[in-house]
Amino acid sequence: MAALSVVLGGRAVAQAPTGSEGSLFLLLPTGAQAVGMGQAMVAGKPGSEGIWWNPASIAEQDKRELAIHHSKTVAGVGDALTFVLPTRAYGTAAISLNILNIGEQQVTDEFGDVVGVILPRDVVLAGTYAANVTRRFSAGLNYKVVQLRVDCSGQCSSVGPEVKSSRAVDLGAQYDVLVGAPLTFGAAVRNLGGRLNSRETNQRDPLPTQVEVGAMYRLKFIDHYVKDTELRASASYINSRSFGGKSVRVGTDVMYQGKVHLRAGYVGHDRRGNASASVGFGLQSGAFVFDIARTFGGLPAEGGQMPVYVSLRYLF
């Protein structure tokens, strides 16, 4: 994930990520629930943020949702806006806009004077559809338009604007097993089929395709010891091929009275420097749901601080 560190310390010179490096922002996690559980969310149903992990996860959603998922890492400041619209007869649809603001960079002349400002941004516009195929099996897909933009104001003759674009799909499925205790299996393929196309160079670079399989299980034994409390555990295996290696993700979610959540997770990576742990907290009050998570290890935030993820959802 070192290629994600594209914001230069001095910001005196603009340097956009090139080729496949630029598309690595698609591997960044979205949503505080998933991050708090170690990103092991392919079999979960976390609402709108599930779109980015497994589009099938919103198939059974019964309320409309408007949400924003915010993050701050060394790669930049990310904001994902999503509107989810479930229907009784035709499944669930959603539209999302995910923007990673890498940060303003100054353009200077030979005397060191600032003559322009560059704003590099990575943008994903996604349309989602999911539905129950049977009582236990659901499927979903995302259709995504991806852009890597470098916009400039001022004297930009030495840099110039640049746009790389692509289209890709995510495919996902979930299967519920109702024997003994609630158990859900999930599988997803993300960023499938797309290549980044540069208008300036006609270069075509592949997107980082990911394959993930996993399960989420509710441990019912805790019902005998603690009242009004549920415990869920999840695990998944992910293969990002040459873009990010392989990893195993595990997480837990302790829920009290259906409104308060305490989460913890761990990402074990075949590249040991990318391993990380996480903790999270969630609270629901009426129609509003608030979640926050922080990771330790792996990708840091700017200034050496650990990344922070915040989600705010409105259900209606």
C-alpha atoms as a PDB file:
ATOM      1  CA  MET A   1       0.000   0.000   0.000  1.00  0.00           C
ATOM      2  CA  ALA A   2       2.995   2.292  -0.093  1.00  0.00           C
ATOM      3  CA  ALA A   3       1.892   3.535  -3.502  1.00  0.00           C
ATOM      4  CA  LEU A   4      -1.059   5.209  -1.825  1.00  0.00           C
ATOM      5  CA  SER A   5       1.247   7.734  -0.204  1.00  0.00           C
ATOM      6  CA  VAL A   6       1.019  10.188  -3.070  1.00  0.00           C
ATOM      7  CA  VAL A   7       0.796  13.416  -1.084  1.00  0.00           C
ATOM      8  CA  LEU A   8       4.228  14.982  -1.023  1.00  0.00           C
ATOM      9  CA  GLY A   9       5.445  16.380   2.251  1.00  0.00           C
ATOM     10  CA  GLY A  10       6.302  19.842   0.957  1.00  0.00           C
ATOM     11  CA  ARG A  11       3.527  19.986  -1.624  1.00  0.00           C
ATOM     12  CA  ALA A  12       5.823  22.215  -3.652  1.00  0.00           C
ATOM     13  CA  VAL A  13       5.778  19.883  -6.647  1.00  0.00           C
ATOM     14  CA  ALA A  14       2.763  18.081  -8.047  1.00  0.00           C
ATOM     15  CA  GLN A  15       3.136  14.429  -8.856  1.00  0.00           C
ATOM     16  CA  ALA A  16       0.091  12.380  -9.786  1.00  0.00           C
ATOM     17  CA  PRO A  17       0.177   8.623  -9.335  1.00  0.00           C
ATOM     18  CA  THR A  18       0.703   6.856 -12.607  1.00  0.00           C
ATOM     19  CA  GLY A  19      -0.563   3.617 -14.111  1.00  0.00           C
ATOM     20  CA  SER A  20      -1.840   0.988 -11.735  1.00  0.00           C
ATOM     21  CA  GLU A  21      -0.466   2.883  -8.730  1.00  0.00           C
ATOM     22  CA  GLY A  22      -3.200   5.496  -9.086  1.00  0.00           C
ATOM     23  CA  SER A  23      -5.992   2.930  -8.934  1.00  0.00           C
ATOM     24  CA  LEU A  24      -4.809   1.535  -5.599  1.00  0.00           C
ATOM     25  CA  PHE A  25      -7.177   3.947  -3.851  1.00  0.00           C
ATOM     26  CA  LEU A  26      -9.884   1.406  -4.734  1.00  0.00           C
ATOM     27  CA  LEU A  27      -8.353  -0.875  -2.083  1.00  0.00           C
ATOM     28  CA  LEU A  28      -8.946   1.641   0.706  1.00  0.00           C
ATOM     29  CA  PRO A  29     -11.699   0.594   3.158  1.00  0.00           C
ATOM     30  CA  THR A  30     -14.994   2.473   3.341  1.00  0.00           C
ATOM     31  CA  GLY A  31     -17.240   2.581   6.417  1.00  0.00           C
ATOM     32  CA  ALA A  32     -16.594   2.570  10.155  1.00  0.00           C
ATOM     33  CA  GLN A  33     -18.532  -0.643  10.843  1.00  0.00           C
ATOM     34  CA  ALA A  34     -16.378  -2.701   8.508  1.00  0.00           C
ATOM     35  CA  VAL A  35     -13.125  -1.104   9.621  1.00  0.00           C
ATOM     36  CA  GLY A  36     -13.986  -1.709  13.289  1.00  0.00           C
ATOM     37  CA  MET A  37     -14.457  -5.405  12.524  1.00  0.00           C
ATOM     38  CA  GLY A  38     -11.139  -5.795  10.746  1.00  0.00           C
ATOM     39  CA  GLN A  39     -12.756  -5.291   7.312  1.00  0.00           C
ATOM     40  CA  ALA A  40     -14.255  -8.800   7.534  1.00  0.00           C
ATOM     41  CA  MET A  41     -17.590  -7.636   6.128  1.00  0.00           C
ATOM     42  CA  VAL A  42     -18.161  -9.667   2.964  1.00  0.00           C
ATOM     43  CA  ALA A  43     -20.811 -11.743   4.795  1.00  0.00           C
ATOM     44  CA  GLY A  44     -22.217  -8.855   6.844  1.00  0.00           C
ATOM     45  CA  LYS A  45     -25.225  -6.595   6.341  1.00  0.00           C
ATOM     46  CA  PRO A  46     -23.999  -3.191   7.555  1.00  0.00           C
ATOM     47  CA  GLY A  47     -26.324  -1.028   5.482  1.00  0.00           C
ATOM     48  CA  SER A  48     -25.039   1.414   2.886  1.00  0.00           C
ATOM     49  CA  GLU A  49     -21.339   0.794   3.516  1.00  0.00           C
ATOM     50  CA  GLY A  50     -21.870  -2.839   2.571  1.00  0.00           C
ATOM     51  CA  ILE A  51     -22.067  -1.675  -1.044  1.00  0.00           C
ATOM     52  CA  TRP A  52     -18.289  -1.337  -1.100  1.00  0.00           C
ATOM     53  CA  TRP A  53     -17.716  -4.818   0.383  1.00  0.00           C
ATOM     54  CA  ASN A  54     -20.484  -6.954  -1.095  1.00  0.00           C
ATOM     55  CA  PRO A  55     -23.337  -5.380  -3.091  1.00  0.00           C
ATOM     56  CA  ALA A  56     -25.602  -8.316  -2.171  1.00  0.00           C
ATOM     57  CA  SER A  57     -25.593  -7.119   1.452  1.00  0.00           C
ATOM     58  CA  ILE A  58     -28.352  -4.531   0.865  1.00  0.00           C
ATOM     59  CA  ALA A  59     -30.807  -7.020  -0.670  1.00  0.00           C
ATOM     60  CA  GLU A  60     -32.794  -7.399   2.570  1.00  0.00           C
ATOM     61  CA  GLN A  61     -32.661  -3.766   3.665  1.00  0.00           C
ATOM     62  CA  ASP A  62     -36.164  -2.567   4.549  1.00  0.00           C
ATOM     63  CA  LYS A  63     -35.576   1.168   5.124  1.00  0.00           C
ATOM     64  CA  ARG A  64     -34.351   3.941   2.903  1.00  0.00           C
ATOM     65  CA  GLU A  65     -30.960   5.229   3.921  1.00  0.00           C
ATOM     66  CA  LEU A  66     -28.939   8.380   3.403  1.00  0.00           C
ATOM     67  CA  ALA A  67     -25.358   8.095   4.626  1.00  0.00           C
ATOM     68  CA  ILE A  68     -21.918   9.656   4.613  1.00  0.00           C
ATOM     69  CA  HIS A  69     -18.767   7.658   5.338  1.00  0.00           C
ATOM     70  CA  HIS A  70     -15.701   9.765   6.155  1.00  0.00           C
ATOM     71  CA  SER A  71     -12.065   8.716   6.473  1.00  0.00           C
ATOM     72  CA  LYS A  72      -8.676  10.329   6.981  1.00  0.00           C
ATOM     73  CA  THR A  73      -5.524   8.408   6.047  1.00  0.00           C
ATOM     74  CA  VAL A  74      -2.129   9.159   4.563  1.00  0.00           C
ATOM     75  CA  ALA A  75      -3.730   8.708   1.133  1.00  0.00           C
ATOM     76  CA  GLY A  76      -6.035  11.676   1.749  1.00  0.00           C
ATOM     77  CA  VAL A  77      -9.473  12.587   3.040  1.00  0.00           C
ATOM     78  CA  GLY A  78     -12.269  10.356   1.780  1.00  0.00           C
ATOM     79  CA  ASP A  79     -16.021  10.938   1.745  1.00  0.00           C
ATOM     80  CA  ALA A  80     -18.566   8.466   0.392  1.00  0.00           C
ATOM     81  CA  LEU A  81     -22.201   9.560   0.000  1.00  0.00           C
ATOM     82  CA  THR A  82     -24.873   6.907  -0.521  1.00  0.00           C
ATOM     83  CA  PHE A  83     -28.643   6.774  -0.956  1.00  0.00           C
ATOM     84  CA  VAL A  84     -30.322   3.369  -0.628  1.00  0.00           C
ATOM     85  CA  LEU A  85     -33.854   2.745  -1.904  1.00  0.00           C
ATOM     86  CA  PRO A  86     -35.434  -0.637  -1.075  1.00  0.00           C
ATOM     87  CA  THR A  87     -38.644  -1.848  -2.718  1.00  0.00           C
ATOM     88  CA  ARG A  88     -40.953  -4.677  -1.730  1.00  0.00           C
ATOM     89  CA  ALA A  89     -41.153  -6.358  -5.104  1.00  0.00           C
ATOM     90  CA  TYR A  90     -38.116  -5.323  -7.127  1.00  0.00           C
ATOM     91  CA  GLY A  91     -35.137  -5.555  -4.796  1.00  0.00           C
ATOM     92  CA  THR A  92     -32.943  -2.724  -3.538  1.00  0.00           C
ATOM     93  CA  ALA A  93     -31.172  -0.005  -5.505  1.00  0.00           C
ATOM     94  CA  ALA A  94     -28.556   2.514  -4.434  1.00  0.00           C
ATOM     95  CA  ILE A  95     -26.409   5.275  -5.839  1.00  0.00           C
ATOM     96  CA  SER A  96     -23.072   6.308  -4.331  1.00  0.00           C
ATOM     97  CA  LEU A  97     -20.368   8.910  -4.849  1.00  0.00           C
ATOM     98  CA  ASN A  98     -16.957   8.251  -3.303  1.00  0.00           C
ATOM     99  CA  ILE A  99     -14.310  11.009  -3.435  1.00  0.00           C
ATOM    100  CA  LEU A 100     -10.739  10.811  -2.174  1.00  0.00           C
ATOM    101  CA  ASN A 101      -9.224  14.287  -1.854  1.00  0.00           C
ATOM    102  CA  ILE A 102      -5.463  13.815  -1.944  1.00  0.00           C
ATOM    103  CA  GLY A 103      -4.841  17.446  -0.968  1.00  0.00           C
ATOM    104  CA  GLU A 104      -3.890  20.663  -2.691  1.00  0.00           C
ATOM    105  CA  GLN A 105      -0.376  20.878  -4.109  1.00  0.00           C
ATOM    106  CA  GLN A 106       1.343  24.126  -5.042  1.00  0.00           C
ATOM    107  CA  VAL A 107       2.967  24.835  -8.387  1.00  0.00           C
ATOM    108  CA  THR A 108       6.055  27.054  -8.130  1.00  0.00           C
ATOM    109  CA  ASP A 109       8.194  28.840 -10.708  1.00  0.00           C
ATOM    110  CA  GLU A 110      11.980  28.867 -10.931  1.00  0.00           C
ATOM    111  CA  PHE A 111      12.106  31.522  -8.184  1.00  0.00           C
ATOM    112  CA  GLY A 112      10.054  29.465  -5.737  1.00  0.00           C
ATOM    113  CA  ASP A 113       6.962  31.654  -6.030  1.00  0.00           C
ATOM    114  CA  VAL A 114       3.557  29.956  -6.019  1.00  0.00           C
ATOM    115  CA  VAL A 115       1.931  30.365  -9.426  1.00  0.00           C
ATOM    116  CA  GLY A 116      -0.795  27.720  -9.322  1.00  0.00           C
ATOM    117  CA  VAL A 117      -2.634  25.103  -7.309  1.00  0.00           C
ATOM    118  CA  ILE A 118      -3.208  21.488  -8.267  1.00  0.00           C
ATOM    119  CA  LEU A 119      -6.106  19.470  -6.825  1.00  0.00           C
ATOM    120  CA  PRO A 120      -5.729  15.705  -7.379  1.00  0.00           C
ATOM    121  CA  ARG A 121      -8.855  13.674  -6.634  1.00  0.00           C
ATOM    122  CA  ASP A 122      -9.972  10.089  -7.109  1.00  0.00           C
ATOM    123  CA  VAL A 123     -13.691   9.668  -7.806  1.00  0.00           C
ATOM    124  CA  VAL A 124     -16.028   6.678  -8.001  1.00  0.00           C
ATOM    125  CA  LEU A 125     -19.685   6.925  -9.026  1.00  0.00           C
ATOM    126  CA  ALA A 126     -21.495   3.644  -8.362  1.00  0.00           C
ATOM    127  CA  GLY A 127     -24.951   2.325  -9.106  1.00  0.00           C
ATOM    128  CA  THR A 128     -26.032  -0.743  -7.115  1.00  0.00           C
ATOM    129  CA  TYR A 129     -28.776  -3.325  -7.440  1.00  0.00           C
ATOM    130  CA  ALA A 130     -29.383  -6.297  -5.128  1.00  0.00           C
ATOM    131  CA  ALA A 131     -32.217  -8.767  -4.643  1.00  0.00           C
ATOM    132  CA  ASN A 132     -33.157 -11.992  -2.900  1.00  0.00           C
ATOM    133  CA  VAL A 133     -32.995 -14.859  -5.363  1.00  0.00           C
ATOM    134  CA  THR A 134     -34.446 -17.274  -2.786  1.00  0.00           C
ATOM    135  CA  ARG A 135     -35.288 -16.936   0.909  1.00  0.00           C
ATOM    136  CA  ARG A 136     -31.675 -17.637   1.818  1.00  0.00           C
ATOM    137  CA  PHE A 137     -29.688 -16.560  -1.233  1.00  0.00           C
ATOM    138  CA  SER A 138     -29.137 -12.975  -2.375  1.00  0.00           C
ATOM    139  CA  ALA A 139     -27.061 -11.447  -5.149  1.00  0.00           C
ATOM    140  CA  GLY A 140     -26.003  -7.962  -6.127  1.00  0.00           C
ATOM    141  CA  LEU A 141     -23.805  -5.901  -8.403  1.00  0.00           C
ATOM    142  CA  ASN A 142     -22.195  -2.490  -8.624  1.00  0.00           C
ATOM    143  CA  TYR A 143     -21.547  -0.659 -11.861  1.00  0.00           C
ATOM    144  CA  LYS A 144     -18.781   1.854 -11.244  1.00  0.00           C
ATOM    145  CA  VAL A 145     -17.358   4.798 -13.140  1.00  0.00           C
ATOM    146  CA  VAL A 146     -13.831   5.507 -11.892  1.00  0.00           C
ATOM    147  CA  GLN A 147     -11.871   8.717 -12.471  1.00  0.00           C
ATOM    148  CA  LEU A 148      -8.415   9.836 -11.387  1.00  0.00           C
ATOM    149  CA  ARG A 149      -8.471  13.608 -11.816  1.00  0.00           C
ATOM    150  CA  VAL A 150      -5.716  16.196 -11.603  1.00  0.00           C
ATOM    151  CA  ASP A 151      -7.299  19.659 -11.896  1.00  0.00           C
ATOM    152  CA  CYS A 152      -5.260  22.861 -11.841  1.00  0.00           C
ATOM    153  CA  SER A 153      -5.887  26.589 -11.407  1.00  0.00           C
ATOM    154  CA  GLY A 154      -3.413  29.381 -12.108  1.00  0.00           C
ATOM    155  CA  GLN A 155      -0.346  28.958 -14.309  1.00  0.00           C
ATOM    156  CA  CYS A 156      -0.448  25.258 -15.073  1.00  0.00           C
ATOM    157  CA  SER A 157       1.373  25.032 -18.393  1.00  0.00           C
ATOM    158  CA  SER A 158       4.092  22.853 -16.856  1.00  0.00           C
ATOM    159  CA  VAL A 159       1.576  20.437 -15.352  1.00  0.00           C
ATOM    160  CA  GLY A 160      -1.754  20.635 -17.100  1.00  0.00           C
ATOM    161  CA  PRO A 161      -4.982  18.847 -16.158  1.00  0.00           C
ATOM    162  CA  GLU A 162      -5.204  15.091 -16.512  1.00  0.00           C
ATOM    163  CA  VAL A 163      -8.096  12.644 -16.316  1.00  0.00           C
ATOM    164  CA  LYS A 164      -7.854   8.867 -16.282  1.00  0.00           C
ATOM    165  CA  SER A 165     -11.150   7.004 -16.414  1.00  0.00           C
ATOM    166  CA  SER A 166     -12.497   3.484 -16.345  1.00  0.00           C
ATOM    167  CA  ARG A 167     -15.604   1.418 -15.790  1.00  0.00           C
ATOM    168  CA  ALA A 168     -15.817  -1.702 -13.671  1.00  0.00           C
ATOM    169  CA  VAL A 169     -18.271  -3.969 -11.872  1.00  0.00           C
ATOM    170  CA  ASP A 170     -18.465  -5.595  -8.458  1.00  0.00           C
ATOM    171  CA  LEU A 171     -20.335  -8.884  -8.077  1.00  0.00           C
ATOM    172  CA  GLY A 172     -21.472 -10.322  -4.762  1.00  0.00           C
ATOM    173  CA  ALA A 173     -23.567 -13.052  -3.191  1.00  0.00           C
ATOM    174  CA  GLN A 174     -24.652 -14.084   0.310  1.00  0.00           C
ATOM    175  CA  TYR A 175     -26.213 -17.276   1.636  1.00  0.00           C
ATOM    176  CA  ASP A 176     -27.946 -17.586   5.021  1.00  0.00           C
ATOM    177  CA  VAL A 177     -27.825 -20.870   6.949  1.00  0.00           C
ATOM    178  CA  LEU A 178     -30.516 -21.099   9.606  1.00  0.00           C
ATOM    179  CA  VAL A 179     -29.507 -24.356  11.286  1.00  0.00           C
ATOM    180  CA  GLY A 180     -28.502 -23.980  14.942  1.00  0.00           C
ATOM    181  CA  ALA A 181     -27.568 -20.303  14.858  1.00  0.00           C
ATOM    182  CA  PRO A 182     -27.560 -17.541  12.244  1.00  0.00           C
ATOM    183  CA  LEU A 183     -24.662 -18.128   9.864  1.00  0.00           C
ATOM    184  CA  THR A 184     -24.069 -16.218   6.639  1.00  0.00           C
ATOM    185  CA  PHE A 185     -21.554 -16.969   3.907  1.00  0.00           C
ATOM    186  CA  GLY A 186     -20.478 -14.258   1.508  1.00  0.00           C
ATOM    187  CA  ALA A 187     -18.381 -13.910  -1.622  1.00  0.00           C
ATOM    188  CA  ALA A 188     -17.484 -10.914  -3.756  1.00  0.00           C
ATOM    189  CA  VAL A 189     -15.359  -9.952  -6.739  1.00  0.00           C
ATOM    190  CA  ARG A 190     -14.500  -6.249  -6.849  1.00  0.00           C
ATOM    191  CA  ASN A 191     -13.154  -3.969  -9.587  1.00  0.00           C
ATOM    192  CA  LEU A 192     -13.719  -6.531 -12.297  1.00  0.00           C
ATOM    193  CA  GLY A 193     -13.004  -5.898 -15.957  1.00  0.00           C
ATOM    194  CA  GLY A 194     -11.893  -2.292 -15.898  1.00  0.00           C
ATOM    195  CA  ARG A 195      -8.772  -0.550 -17.185  1.00  0.00           C
ATOM    196  CA  LEU A 196      -7.754   3.046 -16.579  1.00  0.00           C
ATOM    197  CA  ASN A 197      -7.658   4.998 -19.833  1.00  0.00           C
ATOM    198  CA  SER A 198      -5.555   8.158 -20.063  1.00  0.00           C
ATOM    199  CA  ARG A 199      -6.820  10.798 -22.496  1.00  0.00           C
ATOM    200  CA  GLU A 200      -3.334  12.280 -22.775  1.00  0.00           C
ATOM    201  CA  THR A 201      -1.234   9.127 -23.337  1.00  0.00           C
ATOM    202  CA  ASN A 202      -3.823   6.514 -24.418  1.00  0.00           C
ATOM    203  CA  GLN A 203      -2.295   4.241 -21.771  1.00  0.00           C
ATOM    204  CA  ARG A 204      -4.486   1.433 -20.404  1.00  0.00           C
ATOM    205  CA  ASP A 205      -3.730   0.097 -16.927  1.00  0.00           C
ATOM    206  CA  PRO A 206      -5.669  -2.641 -15.075  1.00  0.00           C
ATOM    207  CA  LEU A 207      -7.688  -1.959 -11.949  1.00  0.00           C
ATOM    208  CA  PRO A 208      -6.895  -3.896  -8.743  1.00  0.00           C
ATOM    209  CA  THR A 209      -9.333  -6.808  -8.886  1.00  0.00           C
ATOM    210  CA  GLN A 210     -10.073  -8.414  -5.503  1.00  0.00           C
ATOM    211  CA  VAL A 211     -11.668 -11.759  -4.657  1.00  0.00           C
ATOM    212  CA  GLU A 212     -13.034 -12.258  -1.136  1.00  0.00           C
ATOM    213  CA  VAL A 213     -14.884 -15.074   0.623  1.00  0.00           C
ATOM    214  CA  GLY A 214     -15.983 -15.182   4.239  1.00  0.00           C
ATOM    215  CA  ALA A 215     -18.592 -15.908   6.874  1.00  0.00           C
ATOM    216  CA  MET A 216     -20.359 -14.203   9.770  1.00  0.00           C
ATOM    217  CA  TYR A 217     -21.750 -16.158  12.740  1.00  0.00           C
ATOM    218  CA  ARG A 218     -23.854 -15.174  15.717  1.00  0.00           C
ATOM    219  CA  LEU A 219     -22.628 -16.905  18.875  1.00  0.00           C
ATOM    220  CA  LYS A 220     -25.866 -17.734  20.671  1.00  0.00           C
ATOM    221  CA  PHE A 221     -24.243 -19.144  23.814  1.00  0.00           C
ATOM    222  CA  ILE A 222     -23.804 -15.627  25.159  1.00  0.00           C
ATOM    223  CA  ASP A 223     -27.608 -15.339  25.463  1.00  0.00           C
ATOM    224  CA  HIS A 224     -27.450 -17.620  28.502  1.00  0.00           C
ATOM    225  CA  TYR A 225     -24.986 -15.388  30.353  1.00  0.00           C
ATOM    226  CA  VAL A 226     -25.660 -11.777  29.347  1.00  0.00           C
ATOM    227  CA  LYS A 227     -29.116 -10.309  28.830  1.00  0.00           C
ATOM    228  CA  ASP A 228     -29.961  -8.136  25.798  1.00  0.00           C
ATOM    229  CA  THR A 229     -26.533  -8.764  24.285  1.00  0.00           C
ATOM    230  CA  GLU A 230     -25.542 -10.322  20.962  1.00  0.00           C
ATOM    231  CA  LEU A 231     -22.086 -11.375  19.818  1.00  0.00           C
ATOM    232  CA  ARG A 232     -21.161 -11.801  16.165  1.00  0.00           C
ATOM    233  CA  ALA A 233     -17.870 -13.017  14.770  1.00  0.00           C
ATOM    234  CA  SER A 234     -16.706 -12.764  11.191  1.00  0.00           C
ATOM    235  CA  ALA A 235     -13.764 -13.918   9.117  1.00  0.00           C
ATOM    236  CA  SER A 236     -12.747 -13.623   5.494  1.00  0.00           C
ATOM    237  CA  TYR A 237      -9.946 -14.399   3.075  1.00  0.00           C
ATOM    238  CA  ILE A 238      -9.036 -11.908   0.367  1.00  0.00           C
ATOM    239  CA  ASN A 239      -6.744 -12.137  -2.632  1.00  0.00           C
ATOM    240  CA  SER A 240      -5.734  -8.909  -4.349  1.00  0.00           C
ATOM    241  CA  ARG A 241      -3.223 -10.669  -6.592  1.00  0.00           C
ATOM    242  CA  SER A 242      -0.229  -8.496  -7.509  1.00  0.00           C
ATOM    243  CA  PHE A 243      -1.894  -5.314  -6.253  1.00  0.00           C
ATOM    244  CA  GLY A 244      -2.100  -6.023  -2.549  1.00  0.00           C
ATOM    245  CA  GLY A 245      -1.242  -9.620  -1.807  1.00  0.00           C
ATOM    246  CA  LYS A 246      -3.336 -11.950   0.338  1.00  0.00           C
ATOM    247  CA  SER A 247      -4.850 -11.367   3.757  1.00  0.00           C
ATOM    248  CA  VAL A 248      -7.021 -12.977   6.412  1.00  0.00           C
ATOM    249  CA  ARG A 249      -9.440 -10.729   8.270  1.00  0.00           C
ATOM    250  CA  VAL A 250     -11.281 -11.408  11.521  1.00  0.00           C
ATOM    251  CA  GLY A 251     -13.636  -9.286  13.585  1.00  0.00           C
ATOM    252  CA  THR A 252     -16.186  -9.245  16.397  1.00  0.00           C
ATOM    253  CA  ASP A 253     -19.214  -7.086  17.154  1.00  0.00           C
ATOM    254  CA  VAL A 254     -20.804  -7.000  20.620  1.00  0.00           C
ATOM    255  CA  MET A 255     -24.252  -5.390  20.438  1.00  0.00           C
ATOM    256  CA  TYR A 256     -26.271  -4.302  23.489  1.00  0.00           C
ATOM    257  CA  GLN A 257     -30.038  -3.821  23.206  1.00  0.00           C
ATOM    258  CA  GLY A 258     -29.678  -3.481  19.451  1.00  0.00           C
ATOM    259  CA  LYS A 259     -28.314   0.061  19.785  1.00  0.00           C
ATOM    260  CA  VAL A 260     -24.777   0.052  21.219  1.00  0.00           C
ATOM    261  CA  HIS A 261     -21.880  -1.682  19.468  1.00  0.00           C
ATOM    262  CA  LEU A 262     -18.322  -2.457  20.520  1.00  0.00           C
ATOM    263  CA  ARG A 263     -16.121  -3.821  17.745  1.00  0.00           C
ATOM    264  CA  ALA A 264     -12.612  -5.158  17.300  1.00  0.00           C
ATOM    265  CA  GLY A 265     -10.756  -6.687  14.385  1.00  0.00           C
ATOM    266  CA  TYR A 266      -7.464  -7.724  12.896  1.00  0.00           C
ATOM    267  CA  VAL A 267      -6.049  -7.915   9.372  1.00  0.00           C
ATOM    268  CA  GLY A 268      -3.268 -10.459   8.938  1.00  0.00           C
ATOM    269  CA  HIS A 269      -1.342  -9.868   5.718  1.00  0.00           C
ATOM    270  CA  ASP A 270       1.218 -11.930   3.854  1.00  0.00           C
ATOM    271  CA  ARG A 271       3.207  -8.708   3.767  1.00  0.00           C
ATOM    272  CA  ARG A 272       3.709  -8.309   7.489  1.00  0.00           C
ATOM    273  CA  GLY A 273       4.166  -4.553   7.346  1.00  0.00           C
ATOM    274  CA  ASN A 274       0.552  -4.212   6.177  1.00  0.00           C
ATOM    275  CA  ALA A 275      -0.989  -6.094   9.142  1.00  0.00           C
ATOM    276  CA  SER A 276      -3.235  -3.980  11.370  1.00  0.00           C
ATOM    277  CA  ALA A 277      -5.666  -4.095  14.288  1.00  0.00           C
ATOM    278  CA  SER A 278      -8.806  -2.025  14.770  1.00  0.00           C
ATOM    279  CA  VAL A 279     -11.409  -1.000  17.319  1.00  0.00           C
ATOM    280  CA  GLY A 280     -14.808   0.567  16.781  1.00  0.00           C
ATOM    281  CA  PHE A 281     -17.893   1.941  18.494  1.00  0.00           C
ATOM    282  CA  GLY A 282     -21.447   2.380  17.248  1.00  0.00           C
ATOM    283  CA  LEU A 283     -24.615   3.985  18.588  1.00  0.00           C
ATOM    284  CA  GLN A 284     -28.151   4.176  17.217  1.00  0.00           C
ATOM    285  CA  SER A 285     -30.607   6.818  18.398  1.00  0.00           C
ATOM    286  CA  GLY A 286     -33.931   6.782  16.628  1.00  0.00           C
ATOM    287  CA  ALA A 287     -33.346   7.050  12.899  1.00  0.00           C
ATOM    288  CA  PHE A 288     -29.701   8.083  13.251  1.00  0.00           C
ATOM    289  CA  VAL A 289     -26.784   5.638  13.385  1.00  0.00           C
ATOM    290  CA  PHE A 290     -23.272   6.783  14.298  1.00  0.00           C
ATOM    291  CA  ASP A 291     -20.144   4.642  13.958  1.00  0.00           C
ATOM    292  CA  ILE A 292     -16.471   5.390  14.501  1.00  0.00           C
ATOM    293  CA  ALA A 293     -13.366   3.220  14.112  1.00  0.00           C
ATOM    294  CA  ARG A 294      -9.607   3.530  14.321  1.00  0.00           C
ATOM    295  CA  THR A 295      -6.862   1.289  12.995  1.00  0.00           C
ATOM    296  CA  PHE A 296      -3.441   0.583  14.469  1.00  0.00           C
ATOM    297  CA  GLY A 297      -0.575  -0.441  12.221  1.00  0.00           C
ATOM    298  CA  GLY A 298      -0.614  -0.725   8.456  1.00  0.00           C
ATOM    299  CA  LEU A 299      -1.474   2.487   6.609  1.00  0.00           C
ATOM    300  CA  PRO A 300      -0.953   5.557   8.855  1.00  0.00           C
ATOM    301  CA  ALA A 301      -2.565   8.957   8.616  1.00  0.00           C
ATOM    302  CA  GLU A 302      -0.665  12.104   7.761  1.00  0.00           C
ATOM    303  CA  GLY A 303       1.650  13.164  10.580  1.00  0.00           C
ATOM    304  CA  GLY A 304       1.970   9.593  11.855  1.00  0.00           C
ATOM    305  CA  GLN A 305      -1.496   9.480  13.440  1.00  0.00           C
ATOM    306  CA  MET A 306      -3.605   6.387  12.988  1.00  0.00           C
ATOM    307  CA  PRO A 307      -6.461   6.544  10.442  1.00  0.00           C
ATOM    308  CA  VAL A 308      -9.947   7.471  11.666  1.00  0.00           C
ATOM    309  CA  TYR A 309     -13.205   6.384  10.034  1.00  0.00           C
ATOM    310  CA  VAL A 310     -16.596   7.937  10.829  1.00  0.00           C
ATOM    311  CA  SER A 311     -20.012   6.981   9.433  1.00  0.00           C
ATOM    312  CA  LEU A 312     -23.340   8.755   9.892  1.00  0.00           C
ATOM    313  CA  ARG A 313     -26.496   7.104   8.584  1.00  0.00           C
ATOM    314  CA  TYR A 314     -30.117   8.265   8.511  1.00  0.00           C
ATOM    315  CA  LEU A 315     -32.785   5.564   8.151  1.00  0.00           C
ATOM    316  CA  PHE A 316     -36.308   6.498   7.075  1.00  0.00           C
END
